[in-house]
């Protein structure tokens, strides 16, 4: 069984009984040598109801080392040597081995821990696990098997003092020792509390109380029963020699409880090589740039010679320096301005008098707000009103249908207005019958005018049918000069009278369904 102090000896820690959370330093090695003396660490009540001091005294030497990584993680080892041991030989019960006086190796303890919350230079929380390896070579120098002890820790360590708190659970093999009263060993709940205050202005000397306790919870033991409780109270003084890496310490205090390891008192002397590595300044985004100078403290970035970009992510390429990344810049070699249109984003401001987002250089109507068009002649111009619109009794056209002079042959420029007429017919299926009416002025004889108007109306009808209109919905008629709109005495009047009209003869009550 292991009768050493219920302590957490880690090289570089300020407390002897409670581990600090995490670590300070990266690649920093620390070493420790600690001498421990315990008086009466194992006393049992024999069947004769006498207190039998099975182990009267023990002297231990602990050699330890630790390695800190990234100011967060720590790996440590503690190797105990039992140098001195006295006690009953033989013991009152043959099942108890005699307290040998030879030097023995104890069970080495390996620790791995890390900080999970808080900064290295402030109060923090950590988690870890300690494992003892059953390599003890003598009686009462080690346990009967390996021990696994996960734990959580909290505390701080700065120029004003330190605090440490550790709570863990040790899993170990159960044992019951002989005697009139059962003395049980097994898995336990472990507690360590330590604190220290600085005694001098240089911050090299610290003094404070420490408490460690082990409560057996397995093998039939009751928590807080004195026979299953091991407790140690220490007053710990430590001094950093000349402010250097060497730290000497001394601690003494009584033991409480009746469980194995609860000595009458213990005294400890320590010597450590523990360089005082300053903790890194706060760095919330962990980009190695301290928050105090980090212009982007919540975004991981890079150090920069530009104080306004120090600690910020690297800016994307911007060849023209207009703060618009080249990947989004439509004019990556010319400084420009932001724009909602992708094709102009990052380009110099364009001249646009009518503010229709069409540059004056490309705007066919630079003084009239319009819209973009694939037709350069209409780009930036207002959309023209429809040339053919549906009225109550007709399809009104704003442009005249043009014919070759004195004939019924359609001129090419008439196709645009006829296509709009065709669109109206296709969109309004309720128009069951539409008359194409031809009209002329009074130039020429009546018979000639009547024939010409009839042929021109028929020519329009045939064009519409040839381009998709149903012949059954169309009829044509020529009226000659019998229905003038204006006075034929003027050129303007005669121009208005030479026309084609589309008159609705029959309209359905409701729009029929598309075939």
Protein backbone atom coordinates (compact mmCIF):
# COMPACT_ATOMS: atom_id res chain seq x y z
CA UNK A 1 0.00 0.00 0.00
CA UNK A 2 1.09 3.59 -0.64
CA UNK A 3 1.55 5.61 2.57
CA UNK A 4 2.91 8.79 0.98
CA UNK A 5 1.08 12.09 1.44
CA UNK A 6 -2.23 12.56 -0.43
CA UNK A 7 -0.56 15.27 -2.43
CA UNK A 8 -0.21 16.32 -6.10
CA UNK A 9 3.50 16.94 -6.52
CA UNK A 10 4.14 18.59 -9.91
CA UNK A 11 7.41 20.40 -10.65
CA UNK A 12 6.77 24.12 -11.02
CA UNK A 13 3.37 24.20 -9.30
CA UNK A 14 3.07 26.65 -6.38
CA UNK A 15 0.93 24.23 -4.36
CA UNK A 16 2.04 20.87 -2.96
CA UNK A 17 -1.44 19.36 -2.73
CA UNK A 18 -3.53 20.84 -5.60
CA UNK A 19 -2.56 21.03 -9.25
CA UNK A 20 -2.74 24.30 -11.14
CA UNK A 21 -4.91 24.44 -14.29
CA UNK A 22 -2.92 24.23 -17.49
CA UNK A 23 0.63 25.54 -17.75
CA UNK A 24 2.73 28.61 -18.48
CA UNK A 25 5.47 28.44 -21.09
CA UNK A 26 6.15 26.50 -24.25
CA UNK A 27 8.82 23.81 -24.25
CA UNK A 28 9.75 24.85 -20.72
CA UNK A 29 11.25 22.15 -18.50
CA UNK A 30 10.99 22.39 -14.72
CA UNK A 31 12.52 20.09 -12.09
CA UNK A 32 11.83 19.37 -8.43
CA UNK A 33 13.40 17.45 -5.54
CA UNK A 34 11.31 17.06 -2.39
CA UNK A 35 12.17 15.37 0.93
CA UNK A 36 9.24 14.17 3.09
CA UNK A 37 9.12 12.79 6.61
CA UNK A 38 5.95 11.17 8.03
CA UNK A 39 5.38 10.09 11.63
CA UNK A 40 3.17 7.04 12.22
CA UNK A 41 1.63 6.86 8.72
CA UNK A 42 0.09 3.42 9.43
CA UNK A 43 -1.50 2.52 12.79
CA UNK A 44 -4.06 -0.26 13.24
CA UNK A 45 -6.16 -1.51 16.21
CA UNK A 46 -5.13 -5.08 16.94
CA UNK A 47 -7.51 -7.79 18.18
CA UNK A 48 -6.15 -7.04 21.66
CA UNK A 49 -7.62 -3.52 21.20
CA UNK A 50 -4.22 -1.93 21.20
CA UNK A 51 -3.02 0.74 18.79
CA UNK A 52 -0.29 -0.92 16.82
CA UNK A 53 2.08 1.42 14.98
CA UNK A 54 2.83 -0.86 12.06
CA UNK A 55 4.89 1.85 10.33
CA UNK A 56 6.36 4.33 12.81
CA UNK A 57 8.20 6.61 10.36
CA UNK A 58 8.94 7.05 6.70
CA UNK A 59 11.39 9.24 4.82
CA UNK A 60 10.74 9.88 1.15
CA UNK A 61 12.62 11.59 -1.65
CA UNK A 62 10.58 12.69 -4.67
CA UNK A 63 12.23 13.55 -7.99
CA UNK A 64 9.99 15.22 -10.51
CA UNK A 65 9.99 17.02 -13.86
CA UNK A 66 7.39 18.74 -16.02
CA UNK A 67 7.16 20.04 -19.58
CA UNK A 68 4.79 22.87 -20.55
CA UNK A 69 3.46 23.29 -24.08
CA UNK A 70 1.78 26.27 -25.75
CA UNK A 71 1.02 27.94 -22.37
CA UNK A 72 -1.83 25.44 -22.02
CA UNK A 73 -0.73 21.80 -21.68
CA UNK A 74 1.58 20.13 -19.18
CA UNK A 75 3.07 16.67 -18.85
CA UNK A 76 4.72 15.72 -15.55
CA UNK A 77 6.36 12.78 -13.81
CA UNK A 78 7.04 12.17 -10.10
CA UNK A 79 9.31 9.30 -9.02
CA UNK A 80 9.25 8.56 -5.23
CA UNK A 81 12.00 6.77 -3.37
CA UNK A 82 11.44 5.38 0.14
CA UNK A 83 14.77 6.06 1.88
CA UNK A 84 13.81 5.45 5.52
CA UNK A 85 11.21 3.25 7.18
CA UNK A 86 10.81 1.96 10.75
CA UNK A 87 8.05 0.00 12.43
CA UNK A 88 6.98 -3.32 13.88
CA UNK A 89 9.04 -6.24 12.72
CA UNK A 90 7.30 -8.60 12.81
CA UNK A 91 3.87 -6.96 12.73
CA UNK A 92 1.07 -8.06 15.05
CA UNK A 93 -0.55 -9.97 12.18
CA UNK A 94 1.32 -12.28 9.84
CA UNK A 95 -0.62 -10.96 6.88
CA UNK A 96 1.11 -7.60 7.30
CA UNK A 97 4.63 -7.40 5.87
CA UNK A 98 7.37 -6.09 8.15
CA UNK A 99 8.40 -2.46 7.80
CA UNK A 100 11.65 -2.87 5.90
CA UNK A 101 14.44 -0.36 6.36
CA UNK A 102 15.96 -0.80 2.88
CA UNK A 103 15.70 1.79 0.13
CA UNK A 104 12.67 1.10 -2.10
CA UNK A 105 11.26 2.50 -5.29
CA UNK A 106 7.72 3.81 -4.99
CA UNK A 107 5.04 3.98 -7.67
CA UNK A 108 5.92 6.66 -10.26
CA UNK A 109 3.06 9.03 -11.10
CA UNK A 110 2.47 10.44 -14.60
CA UNK A 111 0.26 13.49 -15.12
CA UNK A 112 -1.21 15.10 -18.21
CA UNK A 113 -3.37 18.19 -17.90
CA UNK A 114 -4.56 21.22 -19.86
CA UNK A 115 -6.32 24.54 -19.46
CA UNK A 116 -9.82 24.59 -20.97
CA UNK A 117 -11.22 27.94 -19.81
CA UNK A 118 -9.62 31.26 -18.94
CA UNK A 119 -6.29 32.83 -19.78
CA UNK A 120 -2.84 31.69 -18.67
CA UNK A 121 -2.33 34.93 -16.72
CA UNK A 122 -5.68 34.87 -14.89
CA UNK A 123 -8.08 32.59 -13.06
CA UNK A 124 -8.61 29.48 -15.19
CA UNK A 125 -10.14 26.01 -15.24
CA UNK A 126 -8.37 22.84 -16.31
CA UNK A 127 -8.80 19.10 -16.65
CA UNK A 128 -6.30 16.29 -16.39
CA UNK A 129 -5.52 12.73 -15.47
CA UNK A 130 -2.85 11.18 -13.26
CA UNK A 131 -1.70 7.55 -13.48
CA UNK A 132 0.47 5.64 -11.01
CA UNK A 133 2.52 2.74 -12.34
CA UNK A 134 2.87 -0.24 -9.93
CA UNK A 135 6.68 -0.45 -9.80
CA UNK A 136 7.18 -0.31 -6.01
CA UNK A 137 9.92 -2.63 -4.76
CA UNK A 138 9.29 -2.59 -1.02
CA UNK A 139 6.56 -2.94 1.57
CA UNK A 140 4.41 0.14 2.11
CA UNK A 141 6.16 1.91 -0.80
CA UNK A 142 3.34 1.58 -3.32
CA UNK A 143 -0.11 0.25 -4.09
CA UNK A 144 -1.14 -3.24 -5.11
CA UNK A 145 -1.93 -2.10 -8.65
CA UNK A 146 -2.13 0.84 -11.01
CA UNK A 147 -4.17 3.93 -10.14
CA UNK A 148 -6.14 6.08 -12.59
CA UNK A 149 -7.17 9.53 -11.33
CA UNK A 150 -9.04 11.98 -13.56
CA UNK A 151 -9.49 15.45 -12.07
CA UNK A 152 -10.58 19.04 -12.61
CA UNK A 153 -8.60 21.99 -11.33
CA UNK A 154 -8.94 25.74 -10.98
CA UNK A 155 -6.89 28.65 -9.75
CA UNK A 156 -4.46 31.44 -10.59
CA UNK A 157 -0.81 32.35 -10.08
CA UNK A 158 0.48 35.92 -10.29
CA UNK A 159 2.66 38.46 -8.52
CA UNK A 160 0.16 38.91 -5.70
CA UNK A 161 -0.17 35.22 -4.79
CA UNK A 162 -1.76 32.01 -5.93
CA UNK A 163 -4.82 29.84 -5.49
CA UNK A 164 -5.34 26.21 -6.46
CA UNK A 165 -8.26 23.82 -6.21
CA UNK A 166 -8.36 20.21 -7.38
CA UNK A 167 -11.15 17.66 -7.26
CA UNK A 168 -10.67 14.18 -8.63
CA UNK A 169 -11.48 10.50 -8.28
CA UNK A 170 -8.86 7.77 -7.96
CA UNK A 171 -9.61 4.28 -9.18
CA UNK A 172 -7.48 1.67 -7.35
CA UNK A 173 -7.61 -1.97 -6.26
CA UNK A 174 -9.54 -2.65 -3.04
CA UNK A 175 -7.82 -4.01 0.08
CA UNK A 176 -8.90 -4.72 3.68
CA UNK A 177 -6.24 -4.64 6.40
CA UNK A 178 -6.35 -6.92 9.47
CA UNK A 179 -7.40 -5.65 12.84
CA UNK A 180 -10.34 -5.59 15.22
CA UNK A 181 -11.84 -2.77 13.19
CA UNK A 182 -11.93 -3.07 9.38
CA UNK A 183 -9.53 -0.71 7.64
CA UNK A 184 -10.41 -0.43 3.99
CA UNK A 185 -8.40 0.78 0.99
CA UNK A 186 -9.97 1.39 -2.42
CA UNK A 187 -11.17 3.98 -4.89
CA UNK A 188 -11.42 7.44 -3.40
CA UNK A 189 -12.66 10.97 -3.84
CA UNK A 190 -9.64 13.32 -3.71
CA UNK A 191 -9.62 16.98 -2.73
CA UNK A 192 -6.81 19.53 -2.71
CA UNK A 193 -6.95 23.22 -1.78
CA UNK A 194 -4.02 25.61 -1.61
CA UNK A 195 -3.42 29.35 -1.41
CA UNK A 196 -0.53 31.69 -0.82
CA UNK A 197 0.10 35.40 -0.36
CA UNK A 198 3.24 37.39 -1.13
CA UNK A 199 5.19 38.56 1.90
CA UNK A 200 7.70 40.92 0.27
CA UNK A 201 7.69 43.70 -2.30
CA UNK A 202 9.85 41.71 -4.71
CA UNK A 203 7.20 38.96 -4.79
CA UNK A 204 9.79 36.26 -4.04
CA UNK A 205 8.39 34.89 -0.76
CA UNK A 206 4.96 33.38 -0.32
CA UNK A 207 3.17 31.80 2.63
CA UNK A 208 -0.15 30.05 2.78
CA UNK A 209 -2.23 27.13 4.06
CA UNK A 210 -2.90 23.95 2.13
CA UNK A 211 -5.29 21.06 2.66
CA UNK A 212 -5.50 17.66 1.01
CA UNK A 213 -7.98 14.91 1.73
CA UNK A 214 -8.74 11.41 0.46
CA UNK A 215 -12.15 9.85 1.13
CA UNK A 216 -12.43 6.11 0.42
CA UNK A 217 -15.74 5.44 -1.36
CA UNK A 218 -15.41 1.75 -2.31
CA UNK A 219 -14.87 -1.62 -0.62
CA UNK A 220 -17.71 -1.00 1.85
CA UNK A 221 -16.26 2.25 3.22
CA UNK A 222 -18.49 5.14 4.15
CA UNK A 223 -17.58 8.62 2.95
CA UNK A 224 -16.29 10.89 5.75
CA UNK A 225 -15.87 7.91 8.12
CA UNK A 226 -12.56 8.64 10.00
CA UNK A 227 -11.39 5.05 9.33
CA UNK A 228 -11.64 5.71 5.56
CA UNK A 229 -10.39 9.30 5.59
CA UNK A 230 -6.87 10.61 5.12
CA UNK A 231 -6.32 14.33 5.58
CA UNK A 232 -3.28 16.59 5.69
CA UNK A 233 -3.10 20.25 6.74
CA UNK A 234 0.07 22.16 5.83
CA UNK A 235 1.53 25.59 6.28
CA UNK A 236 3.70 26.14 3.21
CA UNK A 237 6.50 28.71 2.90
CA UNK A 238 8.37 29.14 -0.37
CA UNK A 239 11.05 31.55 -1.55
CA UNK A 240 12.48 32.27 -5.00
CA UNK A 241 16.20 32.73 -4.51
CA UNK A 242 17.33 36.20 -5.71
CA UNK A 243 14.36 36.26 -8.04
CA UNK A 244 15.97 33.49 -10.13
CA UNK A 245 14.79 30.07 -11.22
CA UNK A 246 15.60 28.29 -7.92
CA UNK A 247 12.72 27.96 -5.45
CA UNK A 248 13.12 26.53 -1.96
CA UNK A 249 10.19 25.56 0.19
CA UNK A 250 9.21 24.10 3.52
CA UNK A 251 5.90 22.79 4.80
CA UNK A 252 4.74 21.14 7.98
CA UNK A 253 1.40 20.11 9.35
CA UNK A 254 -0.69 17.45 11.11
CA UNK A 255 -2.55 14.58 9.61
CA UNK A 256 -6.20 13.83 10.35
CA UNK A 257 -8.22 10.64 10.03
CA UNK A 258 -7.53 6.96 10.71
CA UNK A 259 -7.05 5.63 7.19
CA UNK A 260 -3.62 4.38 6.03
CA UNK A 261 -1.45 7.42 5.22
CA UNK A 262 -3.01 9.64 7.91
CA UNK A 263 0.25 10.38 9.73
CA UNK A 264 0.52 12.22 13.03
CA UNK A 265 2.39 14.91 11.15
CA UNK A 266 4.43 15.43 8.02
CA UNK A 267 7.33 17.73 7.21
CA UNK A 268 8.46 18.58 3.67
CA UNK A 269 11.46 20.36 2.18
CA UNK A 270 11.64 21.16 -1.51
CA UNK A 271 14.09 22.55 -4.06
CA UNK A 272 12.82 23.39 -7.54
CA UNK A 273 14.26 24.67 -10.77
CA UNK A 274 11.27 26.66 -11.99
CA UNK A 275 12.00 29.63 -14.29
CA UNK A 276 9.48 32.42 -13.87
CA UNK A 277 8.16 32.49 -17.43
CA UNK A 278 5.79 35.42 -17.96
CA UNK A 279 2.34 34.41 -19.10
CA UNK A 280 1.39 35.58 -22.59
CA UNK A 281 -0.89 38.60 -22.79
CA UNK A 282 -4.59 37.95 -23.55
CA UNK A 283 -5.12 36.77 -27.12
CA UNK A 284 -8.79 35.95 -27.68
CA UNK A 285 -8.42 34.76 -31.29
CA UNK A 286 -5.13 32.91 -30.58
CA UNK A 287 -3.29 34.39 -33.56
CA UNK A 288 -0.16 35.27 -31.49
CA UNK A 289 -1.07 38.98 -31.67
CA UNK A 290 -2.07 40.30 -28.20
CA UNK A 291 -5.54 41.74 -27.88
CA UNK A 292 -4.04 45.07 -26.77
CA UNK A 293 -2.59 45.65 -30.26
CA UNK A 294 -4.85 43.39 -32.33
CA UNK A 295 -7.05 45.44 -34.68
CA UNK A 296 -9.21 42.34 -35.27
CA UNK A 297 -9.28 40.73 -31.79
CA UNK A 298 -12.06 38.29 -32.66
CA UNK A 299 -10.65 37.19 -36.05
CA UNK A 300 -7.45 35.12 -36.35
CA UNK A 301 -5.00 37.12 -38.43
CA UNK A 302 -1.35 37.86 -39.10
CA UNK A 303 1.19 40.31 -37.68
CA UNK A 304 1.57 43.35 -39.92
CA UNK A 305 3.77 46.45 -40.14
CA UNK A 306 0.59 48.40 -40.83
CA UNK A 307 -0.81 49.17 -37.35
CA UNK A 308 -4.34 49.30 -38.75
CA UNK A 309 -4.03 45.75 -40.13
CA UNK A 310 -2.00 44.24 -37.26
CA UNK A 311 -3.64 40.97 -36.25
CA UNK A 312 -6.20 41.07 -39.05
CA UNK A 313 -6.65 38.44 -41.78
CA UNK A 314 -4.56 39.04 -44.87
CA UNK A 315 -6.40 41.32 -47.29
CA UNK A 316 -7.22 39.83 -50.71
CA UNK A 317 -5.23 41.18 -53.71
CA UNK A 318 -6.25 44.70 -54.76
CA UNK A 319 -3.95 45.89 -57.55
CA UNK A 320 -5.54 49.34 -57.96
CA UNK A 321 -5.84 50.02 -54.22
CA UNK A 322 -9.52 50.98 -54.30
CA UNK A 323 -10.42 48.62 -51.40
CA UNK A 324 -12.34 46.35 -53.78
CA UNK A 325 -10.66 42.91 -54.14
CA UNK A 326 -9.48 42.06 -57.64
CA UNK A 327 -11.77 39.01 -57.65
CA UNK A 328 -14.79 41.35 -57.41
CA UNK A 329 -13.36 44.36 -59.28
CA UNK A 330 -14.68 44.88 -62.82
CA UNK A 331 -11.79 47.32 -63.39
CA UNK A 332 -8.95 45.72 -61.35
CA UNK A 333 -6.24 48.02 -62.77
CA UNK A 334 -8.18 51.30 -62.43
CA UNK A 335 -9.25 52.72 -59.05
CA UNK A 336 -13.01 52.90 -58.85
CA UNK A 337 -16.01 52.93 -56.54
CA UNK A 338 -18.53 50.33 -55.39
CA UNK A 339 -21.53 49.82 -57.64
CA UNK A 340 -24.62 47.62 -57.44
CA UNK A 341 -24.04 46.45 -61.02
CA UNK A 342 -21.42 43.73 -61.20
CA UNK A 343 -20.08 45.02 -64.53
CA UNK A 344 -19.34 48.44 -62.97
CA UNK A 345 -18.30 47.41 -59.45
CA UNK A 346 -14.87 48.87 -58.77
CA UNK A 347 -14.83 51.02 -61.92
CA UNK A 348 -14.51 54.83 -62.01
CA UNK A 349 -17.81 56.69 -61.69
CA UNK A 350 -19.44 56.99 -65.10
CA UNK A 351 -21.12 60.07 -66.58
CA UNK A 352 -24.88 59.46 -66.44
CA UNK A 353 -26.91 62.65 -66.73
CA UNK A 354 -30.34 60.94 -66.59
CA UNK A 355 -29.23 58.54 -63.79
CA UNK A 356 -30.59 55.47 -65.50
CA UNK A 357 -27.36 53.48 -64.88
CA UNK A 358 -26.50 53.56 -68.56
CA UNK A 359 -23.31 55.52 -69.17
CA UNK A 360 -23.77 58.59 -71.36
CA UNK A 361 -21.22 57.15 -73.77
CA UNK A 362 -23.57 54.18 -74.40
CA UNK A 363 -26.88 55.97 -73.83
CA UNK A 364 -28.86 56.68 -77.00
CA UNK A 365 -31.11 58.96 -74.90
CA UNK A 366 -28.70 60.52 -72.36
CA UNK A 367 -31.26 63.04 -71.09
CA UNK A 368 -34.18 60.62 -70.72
CA UNK A 369 -34.16 57.85 -68.09
CA UNK A 370 -34.47 54.53 -69.84
CA UNK A 371 -33.35 50.95 -69.68
CA UNK A 372 -30.65 48.80 -71.19
CA UNK A 373 -31.23 47.31 -74.61
CA UNK A 374 -29.26 45.09 -76.97
CA UNK A 375 -30.17 47.55 -79.71
CA UNK A 376 -27.59 50.37 -79.54
CA UNK A 377 -30.19 52.77 -80.96
CA UNK A 378 -32.53 52.03 -78.02
CA UNK A 379 -29.95 51.48 -75.24
CA UNK A 380 -30.77 53.83 -72.36
CA UNK A 381 -33.98 55.04 -73.95
CA UNK A 382 -37.50 54.80 -72.55
CA UNK A 383 -39.41 51.83 -73.82
CA UNK A 384 -41.76 53.02 -76.59
CA UNK A 385 -45.48 52.75 -76.03
CA UNK A 386 -47.11 49.86 -77.88
CA UNK A 387 -47.92 50.83 -81.47
CA UNK A 388 -51.00 48.55 -81.48
CA UNK A 389 -53.47 48.64 -78.57
CA UNK A 390 -56.85 47.04 -78.04
CA UNK A 391 -59.79 49.45 -77.87
CA UNK A 392 -63.50 48.80 -77.34
CA UNK A 393 -64.35 48.56 -81.03
CA UNK A 394 -61.00 48.42 -82.79
CA UNK A 395 -57.34 47.63 -82.65
CA UNK A 396 -55.81 51.07 -82.64
CA UNK A 397 -52.48 51.57 -84.39
CA UNK A 398 -50.32 54.61 -83.81
CA UNK A 399 -48.43 54.25 -87.10
CA UNK A 400 -49.82 53.95 -90.56
CA UNK A 401 -49.30 50.83 -92.62
CA UNK A 402 -47.06 51.85 -95.53
CA UNK A 403 -47.50 50.69 -99.16
CA UNK A 404 -45.59 51.32 -102.32
CA UNK A 405 -47.15 54.33 -104.10
CA UNK A 406 -50.29 53.45 -106.04
CA UNK A 407 -50.02 49.71 -105.20
CA UNK A 408 -51.03 47.20 -102.54
CA UNK A 409 -47.44 46.06 -101.97
CA UNK A 410 -46.42 46.42 -98.31
CA UNK A 411 -43.26 48.34 -97.59
CA UNK A 412 -40.68 46.68 -95.25
CA UNK A 413 -41.13 49.30 -92.53
CA UNK A 414 -44.78 48.19 -92.14
CA UNK A 415 -43.78 44.85 -90.66
CA UNK A 416 -43.10 46.29 -87.19
CA UNK A 417 -46.62 47.67 -86.74
CA UNK A 418 -48.19 44.55 -88.25
CA UNK A 419 -46.28 42.33 -85.82
CA UNK A 420 -47.79 44.28 -82.93
CA UNK A 421 -51.26 43.84 -84.45
CA UNK A 422 -50.55 40.12 -84.71
CA UNK A 423 -49.51 40.05 -81.05
CA UNK A 424 -52.79 41.69 -79.98
CA UNK A 425 -54.75 39.08 -81.95
CA UNK A 426 -52.81 36.25 -80.36
CA UNK A 427 -53.17 37.61 -76.82
CA UNK A 428 -56.89 38.33 -77.10
CA UNK A 429 -58.65 35.19 -78.20
CA UNK A 430 -62.01 36.80 -77.47
CA UNK A 431 -61.74 38.73 -80.73
CA UNK A 432 -63.74 36.40 -82.98
CA UNK A 433 -63.89 38.54 -86.12
CA UNK A 434 -61.81 41.58 -87.07
CA UNK A 435 -62.24 43.55 -90.28
CA UNK A 436 -59.20 44.94 -92.07
CA UNK A 437 -60.58 48.14 -93.63
CA UNK A 438 -58.68 49.97 -96.37
CA UNK A 439 -59.16 53.74 -97.01
CA UNK A 440 -57.74 56.24 -99.55
CA UNK A 441 -57.84 59.96 -100.15
CA UNK A 442 -59.90 61.42 -103.05
CA UNK A 443 -56.99 61.50 -105.49
CA UNK A 444 -58.01 59.53 -108.58
CA UNK A 445 -61.34 58.12 -109.60
CA UNK A 446 -63.78 56.47 -107.21
CA UNK A 447 -63.48 53.03 -108.85
CA UNK A 448 -59.68 53.15 -108.67
CA UNK A 449 -59.72 54.23 -105.05
CA UNK A 450 -62.22 51.53 -104.08
CA UNK A 451 -60.11 48.81 -105.79
CA UNK A 452 -56.84 50.06 -104.33
CA UNK A 453 -58.23 50.20 -100.80
CA UNK A 454 -59.70 46.70 -101.18
CA UNK A 455 -56.40 45.26 -102.42
CA UNK A 456 -54.43 46.98 -99.65
CA UNK A 457 -56.80 45.61 -96.99
CA UNK A 458 -56.46 42.12 -98.48
CA UNK A 459 -52.69 42.47 -98.55
CA UNK A 460 -52.66 43.23 -94.80
CA UNK A 461 -54.96 40.26 -94.11
CA UNK A 462 -52.70 37.88 -96.07
CA UNK A 463 -49.63 39.09 -94.17
CA UNK A 464 -51.32 38.44 -90.83
CA UNK A 465 -52.47 34.97 -91.93
CA UNK A 466 -49.01 34.15 -93.30
CA UNK A 467 -47.51 35.01 -89.90
CA UNK A 468 -49.85 32.97 -87.71
CA UNK A 469 -53.29 34.61 -87.53
CA UNK A 470 -56.36 32.40 -88.18
CA UNK A 471 -58.07 33.33 -91.44
CA UNK A 472 -61.46 32.58 -89.87
CA UNK A 473 -60.99 35.51 -87.47
CA UNK A 474 -60.23 38.03 -90.24
CA UNK A 475 -62.11 39.70 -93.09
CA UNK A 476 -61.13 42.60 -95.35
CA UNK A 477 -62.95 45.40 -97.17
CA UNK A 478 -62.01 48.47 -99.17
CA UNK A 479 -63.90 51.75 -98.63
CA UNK A 480 -62.05 53.96 -101.09
CA UNK A 481 -62.39 57.63 -100.21
CA UNK A 482 -65.89 57.34 -98.76
CA UNK A 483 -64.86 57.64 -95.10
CA UNK A 484 -62.32 60.47 -94.77
CA UNK A 485 -60.91 61.44 -91.39
CA UNK A 486 -59.65 64.84 -92.46
CA UNK A 487 -60.05 67.43 -95.21
CA UNK A 488 -58.63 66.16 -98.50
CA UNK A 489 -57.91 69.78 -99.48
CA UNK A 490 -54.56 69.71 -97.59
CA UNK A 491 -51.59 67.37 -97.89
CA UNK A 492 -51.81 66.60 -94.18
CA UNK A 493 -55.48 65.68 -94.49
CA UNK A 494 -54.88 63.39 -97.46
CA UNK A 495 -52.08 61.62 -95.53
CA UNK A 496 -54.43 60.89 -92.63
CA UNK A 497 -57.11 59.57 -95.01
CA UNK A 498 -54.74 57.03 -96.61
CA UNK A 499 -54.95 54.42 -93.89
CA UNK A 500 -55.72 50.86 -92.77
CA UNK A 501 -58.06 50.29 -89.82
CA UNK A 502 -58.80 47.14 -87.83
CA UNK A 503 -62.42 47.11 -86.71
CA UNK A 504 -63.76 44.55 -84.24
CA UNK A 505 -66.94 43.07 -85.71
CA UNK A 506 -67.52 40.32 -83.15
CA UNK A 507 -66.15 39.79 -79.65
CA UNK A 508 -66.86 36.81 -77.41
CA UNK A 509 -68.59 37.42 -74.08
CA UNK A 510 -65.54 35.94 -72.31
CA UNK A 511 -62.14 34.92 -73.46
CA UNK A 512 -62.20 31.34 -74.81
CA UNK A 513 -59.71 28.81 -73.57
CA UNK A 514 -56.50 28.40 -75.55
CA UNK A 515 -56.73 25.46 -77.95
